Amino acid sequence: MKLVFATNNAHKLQEVSAILGDKVELLSLKAIGCNDDIPETADTLEGNALMKARYIHERYHCDCFADDTGLEVEALNGAPGVYSARYAGVAHDSEANMQKLLKELNGKENRKARFRTVIALILDNKEYLFDGIVNGEIVKEKRGGSGFGYDPIFVPEGETETFAELGEEKKNLISHRARAVQALQEFLNRG
């Protein structure tokens, strides 16, 4: 089965491809010749994921899926949430985003947070949504060298290391994206 994953993020593509395995041939936007800057203007993760998937489906007429991920911090009323990638500005600067978040949490005891990924799949002209959540907390300083985004400051529940310290293999087993992709994979395997 061929599926287009509406991303050009090499990290995401690699992570999702490793989880889906060889039953699905995963194509990037570049592979289908899409260099468009796909709008992500919805105010929910579900809305953004659907917006991206519909954009690809309508223009390229292929089965596809898209995701949107947010880090939701309890003490910040769920922020940065849908704005996680551009929390510190439109540049999608992970370092600036982390620094802003750490500054916002400075002096706060409640550091509970959760990563949430929503996947929107369009298959045979039908839409499906899959959700993946991992609870955890924000540490006070960056730790670890792997991963991307907020990985160096997020420790998942039941672990003592950040996502960036756990390494790709372990992270891929327990991450929010892994959980959403596993739900997608189970759905595809039933079909």
C-alpha atoms as a PDB file:
ATOM      1  CA  MET A   1       0.000   0.000   0.000  1.00  0.00           C
ATOM      2  CA  LYS A   2       1.229   3.488  -0.890  1.00  0.00           C
ATOM      3  CA  LEU A   3       0.436   6.383   1.406  1.00  0.00           C
ATOM      4  CA  VAL A   4       1.571   9.969   1.220  1.00  0.00           C
ATOM      5  CA  PHE A   5       2.618  11.420   4.556  1.00  0.00           C
ATOM      6  CA  ALA A   6       2.005  15.170   4.297  1.00  0.00           C
ATOM      7  CA  THR A   7       5.380  16.241   5.661  1.00  0.00           C
ATOM      8  CA  ASN A   8       8.842  17.219   4.532  1.00  0.00           C
ATOM      9  CA  ASN A   9      10.189  16.825   8.066  1.00  0.00           C
ATOM     10  CA  ALA A  10      12.854  14.138   7.675  1.00  0.00           C
ATOM     11  CA  HIS A  11      12.760  13.300  11.422  1.00  0.00           C
ATOM     12  CA  LYS A  12       9.009  12.658  11.342  1.00  0.00           C
ATOM     13  CA  LEU A  13       9.212  10.679   8.097  1.00  0.00           C
ATOM     14  CA  GLN A  14      11.934   8.416   9.494  1.00  0.00           C
ATOM     15  CA  GLU A  15      10.116   7.928  12.811  1.00  0.00           C
ATOM     16  CA  VAL A  16       6.765   7.092  11.199  1.00  0.00           C
ATOM     17  CA  SER A  17       8.322   4.864   8.540  1.00  0.00           C
ATOM     18  CA  ALA A  18      10.111   2.846  11.241  1.00  0.00           C
ATOM     19  CA  ILE A  19       6.817   2.311  13.089  1.00  0.00           C
ATOM     20  CA  LEU A  20       4.694   1.424  10.025  1.00  0.00           C
ATOM     21  CA  GLY A  21       7.274  -1.031   8.712  1.00  0.00           C
ATOM     22  CA  ASP A  22       7.452  -2.433   5.193  1.00  0.00           C
ATOM     23  CA  LYS A  23       3.720  -3.079   4.620  1.00  0.00           C
ATOM     24  CA  VAL A  24       3.254   0.583   3.773  1.00  0.00           C
ATOM     25  CA  GLU A  25       5.301   2.458   1.199  1.00  0.00           C
ATOM     26  CA  LEU A  26       5.519   5.916   2.695  1.00  0.00           C
ATOM     27  CA  LEU A  27       5.929   8.842   0.315  1.00  0.00           C
ATOM     28  CA  SER A  28       6.939  12.347   1.380  1.00  0.00           C
ATOM     29  CA  LEU A  29       5.554  15.542  -0.124  1.00  0.00           C
ATOM     30  CA  LYS A  30       8.821  15.920  -2.042  1.00  0.00           C
ATOM     31  CA  ALA A  31       8.315  12.444  -3.539  1.00  0.00           C
ATOM     32  CA  ILE A  32       4.993  13.522  -5.091  1.00  0.00           C
ATOM     33  CA  GLY A  33       6.391  16.851  -6.256  1.00  0.00           C
ATOM     34  CA  CYS A  34       4.606  18.979  -3.668  1.00  0.00           C
ATOM     35  CA  ASN A  35       6.687  21.932  -2.551  1.00  0.00           C
ATOM     36  CA  ASP A  36       3.709  23.987  -1.358  1.00  0.00           C
ATOM     37  CA  ASP A  37       3.617  25.616   2.025  1.00  0.00           C
ATOM     38  CA  ILE A  38       0.465  23.871   3.242  1.00  0.00           C
ATOM     39  CA  PRO A  39      -1.670  26.075   5.478  1.00  0.00           C
ATOM     40  CA  GLU A  40      -1.961  25.172   9.160  1.00  0.00           C
ATOM     41  CA  THR A  41      -4.329  27.854  10.377  1.00  0.00           C
ATOM     42  CA  ALA A  42      -6.808  25.826  12.436  1.00  0.00           C
ATOM     43  CA  ASP A  43      -6.971  26.376  16.186  1.00  0.00           C
ATOM     44  CA  THR A  44      -6.915  22.665  17.036  1.00  0.00           C
ATOM     45  CA  LEU A  45      -4.532  19.802  16.295  1.00  0.00           C
ATOM     46  CA  GLU A  46      -7.395  17.895  14.619  1.00  0.00           C
ATOM     47  CA  GLY A  47      -8.182  20.888  12.426  1.00  0.00           C
ATOM     48  CA  ASN A  48      -4.596  21.305  11.257  1.00  0.00           C
ATOM     49  CA  ALA A  49      -4.136  17.591  10.540  1.00  0.00           C
ATOM     50  CA  LEU A  50      -7.371  17.495   8.508  1.00  0.00           C
ATOM     51  CA  MET A  51      -6.469  20.723   6.694  1.00  0.00           C
ATOM     52  CA  LYS A  52      -3.119  19.274   5.544  1.00  0.00           C
ATOM     53  CA  ALA A  53      -4.555  15.873   4.556  1.00  0.00           C
ATOM     54  CA  ARG A  54      -7.435  17.454   2.602  1.00  0.00           C
ATOM     55  CA  TYR A  55      -5.016  19.798   0.817  1.00  0.00           C
ATOM     56  CA  ILE A  56      -2.943  16.859  -0.476  1.00  0.00           C
ATOM     57  CA  HIS A  57      -5.965  14.677  -1.273  1.00  0.00           C
ATOM     58  CA  GLU A  58      -7.744  17.413  -3.240  1.00  0.00           C
ATOM     59  CA  ARG A  59      -4.683  18.430  -5.274  1.00  0.00           C
ATOM     60  CA  TYR A  60      -2.863  15.120  -5.772  1.00  0.00           C
ATOM     61  CA  HIS A  61      -5.791  12.658  -5.605  1.00  0.00           C
ATOM     62  CA  CYS A  62      -3.983  10.111  -3.475  1.00  0.00           C
ATOM     63  CA  ASP A  63      -4.507   8.330  -0.183  1.00  0.00           C
ATOM     64  CA  CYS A  64      -2.646  10.298   2.444  1.00  0.00           C
ATOM     65  CA  PHE A  65      -2.331  11.266   6.057  1.00  0.00           C
ATOM     66  CA  ALA A  66      -1.089  14.255   7.984  1.00  0.00           C
ATOM     67  CA  ASP A  67      -0.366  14.889  11.604  1.00  0.00           C
ATOM     68  CA  ASP A  68      -0.168  17.740  14.004  1.00  0.00           C
ATOM     69  CA  THR A  69       1.511  17.589  17.373  1.00  0.00           C
ATOM     70  CA  GLY A  70       1.389  19.852  20.349  1.00  0.00           C
ATOM     71  CA  LEU A  71       2.967  20.035  23.752  1.00  0.00           C
ATOM     72  CA  GLU A  72       0.263  20.877  26.295  1.00  0.00           C
ATOM     73  CA  VAL A  73       1.570  22.216  29.624  1.00  0.00           C
ATOM     74  CA  GLU A  74      -0.869  22.104  32.542  1.00  0.00           C
ATOM     75  CA  ALA A  75       0.450  25.207  34.366  1.00  0.00           C
ATOM     76  CA  LEU A  76       0.154  27.210  31.114  1.00  0.00           C
ATOM     77  CA  ASN A  77      -3.490  26.235  30.499  1.00  0.00           C
ATOM     78  CA  GLY A  78      -2.506  23.815  27.726  1.00  0.00           C
ATOM     79  CA  ALA A  79      -0.073  26.161  25.973  1.00  0.00           C
ATOM     80  CA  PRO A  80       1.803  26.048  23.697  1.00  0.00           C
ATOM     81  CA  GLY A  81      -0.570  23.381  22.265  1.00  0.00           C
ATOM     82  CA  VAL A  82      -1.417  23.891  18.605  1.00  0.00           C
ATOM     83  CA  TYR A  83       1.193  26.688  18.496  1.00  0.00           C
ATOM     84  CA  SER A  84       4.080  24.488  19.723  1.00  0.00           C
ATOM     85  CA  ALA A  85       6.216  24.745  16.572  1.00  0.00           C
ATOM     86  CA  ARG A  86       5.964  28.540  16.450  1.00  0.00           C
ATOM     87  CA  TYR A  87       5.704  29.279  20.182  1.00  0.00           C
ATOM     88  CA  ALA A  88       8.601  31.729  20.131  1.00  0.00           C
ATOM     89  CA  GLY A  89       7.796  33.073  16.653  1.00  0.00           C
ATOM     90  CA  VAL A  90       7.137  31.965  13.085  1.00  0.00           C
ATOM     91  CA  ALA A  91      10.708  30.726  12.540  1.00  0.00           C
ATOM     92  CA  HIS A  92       9.948  27.237  14.006  1.00  0.00           C
ATOM     93  CA  ASP A  93      13.097  27.623  16.122  1.00  0.00           C
ATOM     94  CA  SER A  94      13.195  24.687  18.576  1.00  0.00           C
ATOM     95  CA  GLU A  95      15.863  26.287  20.747  1.00  0.00           C
ATOM     96  CA  ALA A  96      13.897  29.546  21.092  1.00  0.00           C
ATOM     97  CA  ASN A  97      10.685  27.595  21.762  1.00  0.00           C
ATOM     98  CA  MET A  98      12.331  25.614  24.580  1.00  0.00           C
ATOM     99  CA  GLN A  99      13.882  28.727  26.120  1.00  0.00           C
ATOM    100  CA  LYS A 100      10.531  30.538  26.078  1.00  0.00           C
ATOM    101  CA  LEU A 101       8.764  27.558  27.672  1.00  0.00           C
ATOM    102  CA  LEU A 102      11.399  27.174  30.389  1.00  0.00           C
ATOM    103  CA  LYS A 103      11.168  30.903  31.130  1.00  0.00           C
ATOM    104  CA  GLU A 104       7.339  30.715  31.351  1.00  0.00           C
ATOM    105  CA  LEU A 105       7.626  27.799  33.803  1.00  0.00           C
ATOM    106  CA  ASN A 106      10.328  29.450  35.912  1.00  0.00           C
ATOM    107  CA  GLY A 107       9.201  29.362  39.564  1.00  0.00           C
ATOM    108  CA  LYS A 108       6.197  27.125  38.848  1.00  0.00           C
ATOM    109  CA  GLU A 109       6.032  23.854  40.786  1.00  0.00           C
ATOM    110  CA  ASN A 110       3.504  22.160  38.497  1.00  0.00           C
ATOM    111  CA  ARG A 111       5.535  20.984  35.497  1.00  0.00           C
ATOM    112  CA  LYS A 112       3.041  18.370  34.243  1.00  0.00           C
ATOM    113  CA  ALA A 113       2.712  18.252  30.487  1.00  0.00           C
ATOM    114  CA  ARG A 114       1.608  15.979  27.716  1.00  0.00           C
ATOM    115  CA  PHE A 115       2.580  15.532  24.117  1.00  0.00           C
ATOM    116  CA  ARG A 116      -0.390  14.895  21.846  1.00  0.00           C
ATOM    117  CA  THR A 117      -0.360  13.857  18.186  1.00  0.00           C
ATOM    118  CA  VAL A 118      -3.436  13.734  15.981  1.00  0.00           C
ATOM    119  CA  ILE A 119      -3.288  11.931  12.627  1.00  0.00           C
ATOM    120  CA  ALA A 120      -5.862  12.578   9.910  1.00  0.00           C
ATOM    121  CA  LEU A 121      -6.057   9.805   7.302  1.00  0.00           C
ATOM    122  CA  ILE A 122      -7.890  10.052   4.004  1.00  0.00           C
ATOM    123  CA  LEU A 123      -8.262   6.573   2.544  1.00  0.00           C
ATOM    124  CA  ASP A 124     -10.660   5.708  -0.279  1.00  0.00           C
ATOM    125  CA  ASN A 125     -12.194   9.197   0.086  1.00  0.00           C
ATOM    126  CA  LYS A 126     -13.086   8.657   3.766  1.00  0.00           C
ATOM    127  CA  GLU A 127     -11.591  10.586   6.687  1.00  0.00           C
ATOM    128  CA  TYR A 128     -10.352   9.029   9.931  1.00  0.00           C
ATOM    129  CA  LEU A 129      -8.693  10.518  13.030  1.00  0.00           C
ATOM    130  CA  PHE A 130      -6.191   8.842  15.366  1.00  0.00           C
ATOM    131  CA  ASP A 131      -4.887  10.241  18.640  1.00  0.00           C
ATOM    132  CA  GLY A 132      -1.710   9.530  20.606  1.00  0.00           C
ATOM    133  CA  ILE A 133      -0.897  10.965  24.027  1.00  0.00           C
ATOM    134  CA  VAL A 134       2.067  10.606  26.346  1.00  0.00           C
ATOM    135  CA  ASN A 135       1.992  12.258  29.757  1.00  0.00           C
ATOM    136  CA  GLY A 136       5.086  13.516  31.511  1.00  0.00           C
ATOM    137  CA  GLU A 137       6.742  16.640  32.819  1.00  0.00           C
ATOM    138  CA  ILE A 138       9.031  19.460  31.791  1.00  0.00           C
ATOM    139  CA  VAL A 139      12.512  19.404  33.357  1.00  0.00           C
ATOM    140  CA  LYS A 140      14.313  22.623  34.313  1.00  0.00           C
ATOM    141  CA  GLU A 141      17.127  22.365  31.766  1.00  0.00           C
ATOM    142  CA  LYS A 142      17.862  20.644  28.481  1.00  0.00           C
ATOM    143  CA  ARG A 143      19.244  17.101  28.580  1.00  0.00           C
ATOM    144  CA  GLY A 144      20.232  14.717  25.791  1.00  0.00           C
ATOM    145  CA  GLY A 145      21.273  14.976  22.185  1.00  0.00           C
ATOM    146  CA  SER A 146      18.808  12.981  20.097  1.00  0.00           C
ATOM    147  CA  GLY A 147      15.276  13.747  18.986  1.00  0.00           C
ATOM    148  CA  PHE A 148      13.977  17.175  18.004  1.00  0.00           C
ATOM    149  CA  GLY A 149      11.599  19.904  19.111  1.00  0.00           C
ATOM    150  CA  TYR A 150      10.932  19.841  22.858  1.00  0.00           C
ATOM    151  CA  ASP A 151      12.487  16.365  23.342  1.00  0.00           C
ATOM    152  CA  PRO A 152      15.424  17.637  25.492  1.00  0.00           C
ATOM    153  CA  ILE A 153      13.087  19.064  28.169  1.00  0.00           C
ATOM    154  CA  PHE A 154      10.287  16.446  28.283  1.00  0.00           C
ATOM    155  CA  VAL A 155      10.458  13.363  30.521  1.00  0.00           C
ATOM    156  CA  PRO A 156       7.688  10.840  29.786  1.00  0.00           C
ATOM    157  CA  GLU A 157       5.785   9.270  32.683  1.00  0.00           C
ATOM    158  CA  GLY A 158       7.566   6.222  34.105  1.00  0.00           C
ATOM    159  CA  GLU A 159      10.968   7.346  32.822  1.00  0.00           C
ATOM    160  CA  THR A 160      13.826   9.336  34.358  1.00  0.00           C
ATOM    161  CA  GLU A 161      15.354  10.463  31.070  1.00  0.00           C
ATOM    162  CA  THR A 162      14.129  13.018  28.546  1.00  0.00           C
ATOM    163  CA  PHE A 163      13.003  11.918  25.083  1.00  0.00           C
ATOM    164  CA  ALA A 164      16.356  13.293  23.846  1.00  0.00           C
ATOM    165  CA  GLU A 165      18.240  11.007  26.270  1.00  0.00           C
ATOM    166  CA  LEU A 166      16.170   7.879  25.618  1.00  0.00           C
ATOM    167  CA  GLY A 167      17.294   7.614  21.991  1.00  0.00           C
ATOM    168  CA  GLU A 168      15.234   7.173  18.842  1.00  0.00           C
ATOM    169  CA  GLU A 169      14.524   3.454  19.241  1.00  0.00           C
ATOM    170  CA  LYS A 170      13.039   3.681  22.724  1.00  0.00           C
ATOM    171  CA  LYS A 171      11.261   6.967  21.976  1.00  0.00           C
ATOM    172  CA  ASN A 172       9.644   5.375  18.905  1.00  0.00           C
ATOM    173  CA  LEU A 173       8.129   2.715  21.157  1.00  0.00           C
ATOM    174  CA  ILE A 174       6.527   5.065  23.681  1.00  0.00           C
ATOM    175  CA  SER A 175       6.058   8.494  22.071  1.00  0.00           C
ATOM    176  CA  HIS A 176       2.807  10.299  21.329  1.00  0.00           C
ATOM    177  CA  ARG A 177       3.483  10.007  17.601  1.00  0.00           C
ATOM    178  CA  ALA A 178       4.252   6.300  18.020  1.00  0.00           C
ATOM    179  CA  ARG A 179       0.901   5.788  19.766  1.00  0.00           C
ATOM    180  CA  ALA A 180      -1.018   7.661  17.065  1.00  0.00           C
ATOM    181  CA  VAL A 181       0.860   5.815  14.300  1.00  0.00           C
ATOM    182  CA  GLN A 182       0.242   2.466  16.033  1.00  0.00           C
ATOM    183  CA  ALA A 183      -3.493   3.257  16.059  1.00  0.00           C
ATOM    184  CA  LEU A 184      -3.199   4.102  12.338  1.00  0.00           C
ATOM    185  CA  GLN A 185      -1.252   0.881  11.691  1.00  0.00           C
ATOM    186  CA  GLU A 186      -3.850  -1.254  13.507  1.00  0.00           C
ATOM    187  CA  PHE A 187      -6.584   0.368  11.428  1.00  0.00           C
ATOM    188  CA  LEU A 188      -4.667  -0.264   8.162  1.00  0.00           C
ATOM    189  CA  ASN A 189      -3.964  -3.881   9.139  1.00  0.00           C
ATOM    190  CA  ARG A 190      -7.698  -4.511   9.606  1.00  0.00           C
ATOM    191  CA  GLY A 191      -8.387  -3.302   6.059  1.00  0.00           C
END
